[in-house]
């Protein structure tokens, strides 16, 4: 039994007390319908999340627009989707009303897929590009984020995760690479204008102290000019702006910060540490500590990167076997003040019921993520995503996809 572990201490986010320190990351799965509404596949995934008793559950990247999207079957948060989303929240809350359910609001920008949507950008990044966004475009996008937050509130969600990570529009605007001379580029004040304006508008127009706002942030994207670098063409890690960004979010009402890194389209192994480069995990811990040191105690830091650890069958060097597990590092980092909560990404596909199994003394039944990253291949291929190791349905989807399209080789940098 692990009920006395630090991951099972209560914690408050805003005015709500959570029963444990486990969070489910926003994990896209390409299984919405053509209108961006949840399907039965979507429901099956979220039922498992809520049954698993994680205290914080982040709805996968849900787009505020259907014009510029990264996934063919992506969830949408527009007026046309409100009734379907209300139904989703109602059912999930009936399963576990104590869980905090937030929605990760996103806009793909330069990561939109030009095969079926319009690709746009603040400044062309080599390998991406797209139509240059205008100031008028930005005003409309801001309105879409505010509208989406209102929809989330009206549907019964506990709050929103305003996405500022992983190369999506929030990242594209705030990164030093965006040195274009316009209202939303150049100096740090201009590059954070979009993010801070959305925060200010949501808090002013919703004005509900029980509705939580926060963000997932890439502290270092790992390429020249990315978030957390020293300049528009510098590869040097410099957390000055990342720290200022989250402090500015906190000043404008952020109640949680999910600390991440990387941009999966460019630096996948940095975003989600893998077997080949396991020590990238320690960068995540360092970024979590940097956030925890500058934010107020009541602003909750949620850490990423833990899925690779699993039951300890990983390649982390210079550690005793018992020091390699997810549970060891989750408890240690909470105890050491590195993070307040720990989040599962790939592990939520493999087995989202880790919290309840630990409290029920069923640790030996946990299906630990093996970090094969086949789920990433499914995502890239625009087909429904799940665990190909432990769920036959997704094993078959992967097999059929490879038979049709060939095995995908993607580079982890």
Protein backbone atom coordinates (compact mmCIF):
# COMPACT_ATOMS: atom_id res chain seq x y z
CA UNK A 1 0.00 0.00 0.00
CA UNK A 2 1.26 3.47 -0.83
CA UNK A 3 -1.36 5.71 0.80
CA UNK A 4 1.28 7.32 3.02
CA UNK A 5 3.52 8.23 0.08
CA UNK A 6 3.99 11.92 -0.71
CA UNK A 7 2.10 11.53 -4.00
CA UNK A 8 -1.03 10.86 -1.93
CA UNK A 9 -0.87 14.03 0.15
CA UNK A 10 -3.72 16.42 -0.51
CA UNK A 11 -3.02 19.63 -2.41
CA UNK A 12 -5.06 22.71 -3.31
CA UNK A 13 -5.31 24.29 -6.74
CA UNK A 14 -7.23 27.50 -6.42
CA UNK A 15 -10.07 26.77 -4.01
CA UNK A 16 -10.34 23.05 -4.77
CA UNK A 17 -8.55 20.40 -2.69
CA UNK A 18 -7.22 17.42 -4.64
CA UNK A 19 -6.84 13.99 -3.05
CA UNK A 20 -3.47 13.12 -4.61
CA UNK A 21 -0.62 14.56 -6.65
CA UNK A 22 -1.12 12.58 -9.87
CA UNK A 23 -2.07 14.35 -13.11
CA UNK A 24 -2.99 13.09 -16.58
CA UNK A 25 -1.33 15.05 -19.37
CA UNK A 26 -3.21 16.39 -22.38
CA UNK A 27 -2.65 13.53 -24.85
CA UNK A 28 -4.06 13.89 -28.35
CA UNK A 29 -5.52 10.72 -29.84
CA UNK A 30 -7.00 11.57 -33.26
CA UNK A 31 -10.35 10.00 -32.47
CA UNK A 32 -12.85 12.88 -32.64
CA UNK A 33 -15.52 12.92 -35.34
CA UNK A 34 -15.47 15.16 -38.42
CA UNK A 35 -17.00 18.05 -36.46
CA UNK A 36 -14.45 17.78 -33.63
CA UNK A 37 -16.81 16.10 -31.17
CA UNK A 38 -15.82 13.19 -28.91
CA UNK A 39 -16.58 9.68 -30.19
CA UNK A 40 -16.97 6.43 -28.29
CA UNK A 41 -13.19 5.93 -28.53
CA UNK A 42 -12.75 9.30 -26.81
CA UNK A 43 -15.21 8.34 -24.10
CA UNK A 44 -13.46 5.01 -23.47
CA UNK A 45 -10.13 6.75 -22.87
CA UNK A 46 -11.51 9.36 -20.49
CA UNK A 47 -13.60 6.86 -18.56
CA UNK A 48 -10.36 5.03 -17.77
CA UNK A 49 -8.68 8.28 -16.72
CA UNK A 50 -11.48 9.19 -14.33
CA UNK A 51 -11.80 5.65 -13.00
CA UNK A 52 -8.05 5.67 -12.33
CA UNK A 53 -8.48 8.41 -9.70
CA UNK A 54 -5.77 10.82 -10.86
CA UNK A 55 -6.70 14.09 -9.14
CA UNK A 56 -5.98 16.36 -12.14
CA UNK A 57 -7.01 15.46 -15.69
CA UNK A 58 -6.10 17.65 -18.67
CA UNK A 59 -8.34 17.25 -21.72
CA UNK A 60 -6.17 16.72 -24.79
CA UNK A 61 -5.25 19.71 -26.98
CA UNK A 62 -8.65 20.96 -28.05
CA UNK A 63 -8.53 23.44 -30.91
CA UNK A 64 -10.18 26.85 -30.71
CA UNK A 65 -10.53 26.85 -34.51
CA UNK A 66 -11.31 24.34 -37.26
CA UNK A 67 -9.39 26.31 -39.87
CA UNK A 68 -5.85 25.75 -38.59
CA UNK A 69 -5.37 22.33 -36.99
CA UNK A 70 -2.64 19.74 -36.58
CA UNK A 71 -4.84 16.62 -36.51
CA UNK A 72 -7.46 15.40 -38.94
CA UNK A 73 -9.70 14.12 -36.13
CA UNK A 74 -8.96 16.67 -33.42
CA UNK A 75 -11.31 17.76 -30.66
CA UNK A 76 -12.71 21.27 -31.22
CA UNK A 77 -13.87 23.88 -28.74
CA UNK A 78 -16.26 26.04 -30.72
CA UNK A 79 -19.94 26.93 -30.19
CA UNK A 80 -20.96 24.07 -32.50
CA UNK A 81 -19.28 21.59 -30.12
CA UNK A 82 -20.72 22.84 -26.84
CA UNK A 83 -23.58 20.36 -26.48
CA UNK A 84 -21.31 17.36 -27.16
CA UNK A 85 -18.68 18.66 -24.73
CA UNK A 86 -21.29 19.25 -22.03
CA UNK A 87 -22.24 15.58 -22.30
CA UNK A 88 -18.60 14.52 -22.00
CA UNK A 89 -18.05 16.56 -18.83
CA UNK A 90 -21.31 15.36 -17.30
CA UNK A 91 -20.41 11.69 -17.71
CA UNK A 92 -16.81 12.07 -16.54
CA UNK A 93 -17.85 14.05 -13.47
CA UNK A 94 -20.35 11.31 -12.63
CA UNK A 95 -17.48 8.81 -12.56
CA UNK A 96 -15.19 10.88 -10.34
CA UNK A 97 -16.60 14.26 -9.26
CA UNK A 98 -13.53 14.98 -7.14
CA UNK A 99 -11.10 15.11 -10.07
CA UNK A 100 -10.12 18.52 -11.44
CA UNK A 101 -10.95 18.51 -15.16
CA UNK A 102 -9.25 21.22 -17.23
CA UNK A 103 -9.11 21.63 -21.01
CA UNK A 104 -5.92 22.36 -22.92
CA UNK A 105 -6.87 25.09 -25.39
CA UNK A 106 -4.66 25.21 -28.46
CA UNK A 107 -4.04 26.74 -31.88
CA UNK A 108 -1.60 24.87 -34.14
CA UNK A 109 -0.16 27.81 -36.11
CA UNK A 110 2.82 26.59 -38.11
CA UNK A 111 2.22 23.01 -36.91
CA UNK A 112 -1.11 22.82 -38.72
CA UNK A 113 -1.24 20.20 -41.45
CA UNK A 114 -1.37 21.87 -44.88
CA UNK A 115 -2.97 18.74 -46.36
CA UNK A 116 -6.28 19.66 -44.74
CA UNK A 117 -5.92 23.06 -43.06
CA UNK A 118 -4.35 26.49 -43.38
CA UNK A 119 -0.80 26.80 -42.03
CA UNK A 120 0.02 30.17 -40.46
CA UNK A 121 2.98 31.53 -38.50
CA UNK A 122 4.37 34.63 -36.75
CA UNK A 123 7.69 34.21 -38.59
CA UNK A 124 8.66 31.33 -40.89
CA UNK A 125 10.71 28.67 -39.10
CA UNK A 126 12.91 26.53 -41.39
CA UNK A 127 10.97 23.42 -42.31
CA UNK A 128 7.58 24.91 -41.42
CA UNK A 129 6.57 28.42 -42.49
CA UNK A 130 3.03 29.26 -43.59
CA UNK A 131 1.03 32.43 -44.17
CA UNK A 132 2.25 35.31 -42.03
CA UNK A 133 -0.18 36.18 -39.27
CA UNK A 134 -1.40 39.76 -39.23
CA UNK A 135 -2.38 41.83 -36.22
CA UNK A 136 -6.00 41.46 -37.30
CA UNK A 137 -5.55 37.69 -37.37
CA UNK A 138 -4.20 37.81 -33.83
CA UNK A 139 -7.17 39.78 -32.55
CA UNK A 140 -9.51 37.12 -33.96
CA UNK A 141 -7.43 34.31 -32.44
CA UNK A 142 -7.52 35.98 -29.04
CA UNK A 143 -11.32 36.13 -29.30
CA UNK A 144 -11.41 32.44 -30.14
CA UNK A 145 -9.40 31.54 -27.02
CA UNK A 146 -11.64 33.65 -24.80
CA UNK A 147 -14.76 32.12 -26.36
CA UNK A 148 -13.33 28.63 -25.88
CA UNK A 149 -12.63 29.33 -22.20
CA UNK A 150 -16.23 30.48 -21.75
CA UNK A 151 -17.46 27.29 -23.43
CA UNK A 152 -15.29 25.23 -21.07
CA UNK A 153 -16.76 27.04 -18.08
CA UNK A 154 -20.33 26.67 -19.36
CA UNK A 155 -19.78 22.95 -20.00
CA UNK A 156 -18.74 22.40 -16.38
CA UNK A 157 -14.96 22.14 -16.77
CA UNK A 158 -12.93 23.26 -13.77
CA UNK A 159 -10.62 25.41 -15.84
CA UNK A 160 -8.34 25.66 -18.85
CA UNK A 161 -4.71 24.95 -19.65
CA UNK A 162 -3.80 27.73 -22.10
CA UNK A 163 -1.14 25.95 -24.16
CA UNK A 164 2.27 27.67 -24.33
CA UNK A 165 4.43 24.66 -25.19
CA UNK A 166 5.61 22.10 -27.74
CA UNK A 167 5.88 24.38 -30.74
CA UNK A 168 2.21 25.39 -30.99
CA UNK A 169 1.11 28.99 -31.49
CA UNK A 170 1.81 30.12 -27.91
CA UNK A 171 5.39 28.88 -28.27
CA UNK A 172 5.79 30.31 -31.76
CA UNK A 173 4.94 33.80 -30.55
CA UNK A 174 6.92 33.87 -27.31
CA UNK A 175 10.16 32.28 -28.55
CA UNK A 176 13.10 34.61 -29.36
CA UNK A 177 12.95 33.46 -33.00
CA UNK A 178 9.88 35.73 -33.37
CA UNK A 179 11.98 38.88 -33.85
CA UNK A 180 9.70 40.17 -36.60
CA UNK A 181 8.86 43.85 -36.18
CA UNK A 182 5.16 43.80 -35.35
CA UNK A 183 2.82 44.14 -32.39
CA UNK A 184 3.41 40.53 -31.34
CA UNK A 185 7.13 40.18 -32.06
CA UNK A 186 10.58 41.57 -31.36
CA UNK A 187 11.09 42.41 -27.69
CA UNK A 188 9.85 40.23 -24.84
CA UNK A 189 6.94 42.55 -24.06
CA UNK A 190 5.61 42.19 -27.58
CA UNK A 191 6.24 38.44 -27.74
CA UNK A 192 4.24 37.86 -24.54
CA UNK A 193 1.42 40.23 -25.53
CA UNK A 194 -0.75 37.42 -26.92
CA UNK A 195 -0.35 35.16 -23.88
CA UNK A 196 -0.87 37.89 -21.32
CA UNK A 197 -3.83 39.39 -23.18
CA UNK A 198 -5.61 36.02 -23.25
CA UNK A 199 -5.00 35.59 -19.51
CA UNK A 200 -6.31 39.07 -18.75
CA UNK A 201 -9.38 38.67 -20.94
CA UNK A 202 -10.31 35.24 -19.54
CA UNK A 203 -9.99 36.35 -15.95
CA UNK A 204 -11.86 39.61 -16.54
CA UNK A 205 -14.71 38.22 -18.63
CA UNK A 206 -15.29 34.96 -16.76
CA UNK A 207 -14.57 36.35 -13.32
CA UNK A 208 -15.27 33.06 -11.54
CA UNK A 209 -12.84 32.34 -8.66
CA UNK A 210 -13.65 28.63 -8.96
CA UNK A 211 -12.64 28.53 -12.64
CA UNK A 212 -8.92 27.77 -12.82
CA UNK A 213 -6.51 29.05 -15.47
CA UNK A 214 -2.95 27.83 -16.01
CA UNK A 215 -0.54 26.83 -18.76
CA UNK A 216 1.76 24.10 -19.94
CA UNK A 217 5.09 25.70 -20.84
CA UNK A 218 8.18 24.45 -22.69
CA UNK A 219 11.05 25.86 -20.65
CA UNK A 220 13.62 25.02 -23.35
CA UNK A 221 12.75 23.90 -26.86
CA UNK A 222 16.26 22.73 -27.66
CA UNK A 223 16.94 24.53 -30.96
CA UNK A 224 18.32 27.99 -31.89
CA UNK A 225 15.80 30.72 -31.17
CA UNK A 226 13.39 28.39 -29.39
CA UNK A 227 11.79 29.02 -26.02
CA UNK A 228 14.42 29.21 -23.32
CA UNK A 229 17.30 30.29 -25.55
CA UNK A 230 19.50 33.39 -25.33
CA UNK A 231 18.41 34.99 -28.63
CA UNK A 232 16.72 34.56 -32.01
CA UNK A 233 19.60 32.51 -33.44
CA UNK A 234 21.21 31.26 -30.24
CA UNK A 235 21.16 27.58 -29.19
CA UNK A 236 22.34 28.54 -25.69
CA UNK A 237 19.98 27.55 -22.88
CA UNK A 238 18.86 30.65 -21.00
CA UNK A 239 15.84 30.33 -18.71
CA UNK A 240 15.51 34.06 -18.04
CA UNK A 241 12.52 34.54 -20.33
CA UNK A 242 10.88 31.24 -19.38
CA UNK A 243 10.98 32.33 -15.74
CA UNK A 244 9.63 35.78 -16.56
CA UNK A 245 6.89 34.21 -18.68
CA UNK A 246 5.50 32.04 -15.87
CA UNK A 247 5.81 34.87 -13.34
CA UNK A 248 3.78 37.05 -15.71
CA UNK A 249 1.20 34.27 -16.03
CA UNK A 250 0.98 34.01 -12.25
CA UNK A 251 0.51 37.77 -11.92
CA UNK A 252 -2.41 37.46 -14.35
CA UNK A 253 -4.13 34.64 -12.51
CA UNK A 254 -2.36 31.37 -13.33
CA UNK A 255 -3.01 28.84 -10.58
CA UNK A 256 -0.89 26.04 -12.04
CA UNK A 257 2.06 25.67 -14.39
CA UNK A 258 2.74 22.35 -16.14
CA UNK A 259 6.47 22.34 -16.75
CA UNK A 260 7.61 20.70 -19.97
CA UNK A 261 10.36 21.04 -22.58
CA UNK A 262 11.06 20.55 -26.24
CA UNK A 263 9.03 20.81 -29.42
CA UNK A 264 8.03 17.27 -30.50
CA UNK A 265 8.22 18.04 -34.22
CA UNK A 266 11.89 18.97 -33.76
CA UNK A 267 13.19 17.72 -30.40
CA UNK A 268 11.00 14.75 -29.51
CA UNK A 269 13.35 13.08 -27.03
CA UNK A 270 13.58 16.32 -25.08
CA UNK A 271 9.81 16.54 -24.80
CA UNK A 272 9.41 12.93 -23.72
CA UNK A 273 12.67 11.34 -22.52
CA UNK A 274 13.23 7.94 -24.12
CA UNK A 275 15.41 4.90 -23.62
CA UNK A 276 18.15 6.19 -25.89
CA UNK A 277 18.62 9.50 -24.04
CA UNK A 278 17.18 8.87 -20.55
CA UNK A 279 19.22 11.61 -18.89
CA UNK A 280 17.06 14.25 -20.61
CA UNK A 281 14.74 13.45 -17.73
CA UNK A 282 17.03 15.38 -15.40
CA UNK A 283 16.53 18.52 -17.50
CA UNK A 284 12.82 18.22 -16.76
CA UNK A 285 13.56 17.99 -13.05
CA UNK A 286 15.81 21.05 -13.29
CA UNK A 287 13.11 23.06 -15.07
CA UNK A 288 10.54 22.01 -12.48
CA UNK A 289 12.84 23.21 -9.71
CA UNK A 290 13.42 26.52 -11.51
CA UNK A 291 9.66 27.07 -11.67
CA UNK A 292 9.02 26.03 -8.09
CA UNK A 293 11.66 28.46 -6.81
CA UNK A 294 10.10 31.57 -8.35
CA UNK A 295 6.36 30.95 -8.06
CA UNK A 296 4.23 31.55 -4.99
CA UNK A 297 3.56 28.48 -2.79
CA UNK A 298 -0.11 28.48 -3.77
CA UNK A 299 0.72 28.28 -7.50
CA UNK A 300 1.00 24.56 -8.23
CA UNK A 301 3.91 23.21 -10.29
CA UNK A 302 3.10 20.03 -12.23
CA UNK A 303 6.09 18.10 -13.55
CA UNK A 304 6.44 16.20 -16.84
CA UNK A 305 8.76 13.48 -18.15
CA UNK A 306 8.01 10.71 -15.66
CA UNK A 307 6.53 8.04 -17.94
CA UNK A 308 9.90 6.68 -19.03
CA UNK A 309 10.74 5.64 -15.46
CA UNK A 310 8.00 3.05 -15.03
CA UNK A 311 8.92 0.17 -12.77
CA UNK A 312 12.62 0.99 -13.06
CA UNK A 313 13.43 -0.98 -16.21
CA UNK A 314 15.23 1.91 -17.86
CA UNK A 315 18.80 2.87 -18.70
CA UNK A 316 19.42 5.62 -16.17
CA UNK A 317 23.06 5.23 -15.09
CA UNK A 318 24.68 5.38 -11.64
CA UNK A 319 21.53 4.48 -9.70
CA UNK A 320 20.48 1.55 -7.56
CA UNK A 321 17.55 -0.39 -9.08
CA UNK A 322 15.09 0.92 -6.47
CA UNK A 323 16.12 4.49 -7.38
CA UNK A 324 15.02 4.17 -11.01
CA UNK A 325 11.25 3.94 -10.60
CA UNK A 326 8.54 6.44 -11.30
CA UNK A 327 7.24 6.20 -7.76
CA UNK A 328 10.71 6.81 -6.25
CA UNK A 329 11.26 10.01 -8.23
CA UNK A 330 7.69 11.23 -7.82
CA UNK A 331 7.93 11.01 -4.04
CA UNK A 332 11.48 12.33 -3.90
CA UNK A 333 10.79 15.36 -6.10
CA UNK A 334 7.71 16.27 -4.09
CA UNK A 335 9.61 15.85 -0.82
CA UNK A 336 12.55 17.89 -2.11
CA UNK A 337 10.39 20.76 -3.31
CA UNK A 338 11.20 20.13 -6.99
CA UNK A 339 7.55 19.81 -8.03
CA UNK A 340 4.14 19.72 -6.40
CA UNK A 341 2.52 17.14 -8.68
CA UNK A 342 3.65 14.59 -11.28
CA UNK A 343 1.96 14.07 -14.64
CA UNK A 344 1.66 11.02 -16.88
CA UNK A 345 1.74 11.29 -20.65
CA UNK A 346 2.55 7.99 -22.38
CA UNK A 347 1.87 6.15 -19.11
CA UNK A 348 -1.76 7.30 -19.34
CA UNK A 349 -2.08 5.30 -22.57
CA UNK A 350 -0.44 2.22 -21.05
CA UNK A 351 -2.36 2.31 -17.76
CA UNK A 352 -4.06 5.43 -16.39
CA UNK A 353 -5.15 3.57 -13.26
CA UNK A 354 -1.81 3.82 -11.45
CA UNK A 355 -3.24 5.92 -8.56
CA UNK A 356 -6.11 3.59 -7.67
CA UNK A 357 -3.99 0.46 -8.10
CA UNK A 358 -1.39 1.85 -5.71
CA UNK A 359 -4.00 2.62 -3.06
CA UNK A 360 -5.58 -0.81 -3.46
CA UNK A 361 -2.30 -2.67 -3.07
CA UNK A 362 -2.35 -3.81 -6.70
CA UNK A 363 1.01 -2.39 -7.78
CA UNK A 364 1.94 -5.70 -9.39
CA UNK A 365 -0.97 -5.30 -11.86
CA UNK A 366 0.17 -1.92 -13.19
CA UNK A 367 0.96 -1.93 -16.89
CA UNK A 368 4.06 0.24 -17.03
CA UNK A 369 4.85 2.20 -20.18
CA UNK A 370 7.88 0.71 -21.95
CA UNK A 371 8.61 3.95 -23.86
CA UNK A 372 8.41 2.22 -27.25
CA UNK A 373 6.87 5.41 -28.69
CA UNK A 374 4.59 3.50 -31.04
CA UNK A 375 1.85 5.85 -29.80
CA UNK A 376 3.84 8.72 -31.29
CA UNK A 377 3.89 6.95 -34.64
CA UNK A 378 0.11 6.60 -34.54
CA UNK A 379 -0.22 10.32 -33.78
CA UNK A 380 2.07 11.31 -36.64
CA UNK A 381 0.12 9.02 -38.96
CA UNK A 382 -3.17 10.75 -38.04
CA UNK A 383 -4.86 7.55 -36.84
CA UNK A 384 -6.46 6.81 -33.43
CA UNK A 385 -3.85 6.70 -30.68
CA UNK A 386 -3.50 4.29 -27.78
CA UNK A 387 -1.06 1.83 -26.25
CA UNK A 388 0.11 -0.74 -28.80
CA UNK A 389 1.80 -2.80 -26.08
CA UNK A 390 -1.20 -3.43 -23.82
CA UNK A 391 -4.29 -2.75 -25.95
CA UNK A 392 -4.90 -5.10 -28.87
CA UNK A 393 -7.16 -2.59 -30.62
CA UNK A 394 -4.23 -0.19 -31.08
CA UNK A 395 -1.79 -2.99 -31.86
CA UNK A 396 -4.05 -3.85 -34.78
CA UNK A 397 -4.33 -0.19 -35.83
CA UNK A 398 -0.52 0.08 -35.88
CA UNK A 399 -0.18 -3.14 -37.86
CA UNK A 400 -2.79 -2.07 -40.42
CA UNK A 401 -1.25 1.40 -40.72
CA UNK A 402 2.23 -0.01 -41.34
CA UNK A 403 0.90 -2.49 -43.91
CA UNK A 404 -0.75 0.37 -45.74
CA UNK A 405 1.87 3.11 -45.35
CA UNK A 406 5.11 1.34 -44.37
CA UNK A 407 6.90 1.62 -41.02
CA UNK A 408 7.58 5.19 -39.99
CA UNK A 409 11.11 6.12 -39.02
CA UNK A 410 11.12 9.36 -37.08
CA UNK A 411 14.22 10.99 -35.74
CA UNK A 412 14.62 11.61 -32.03
CA UNK A 413 16.91 14.56 -31.45
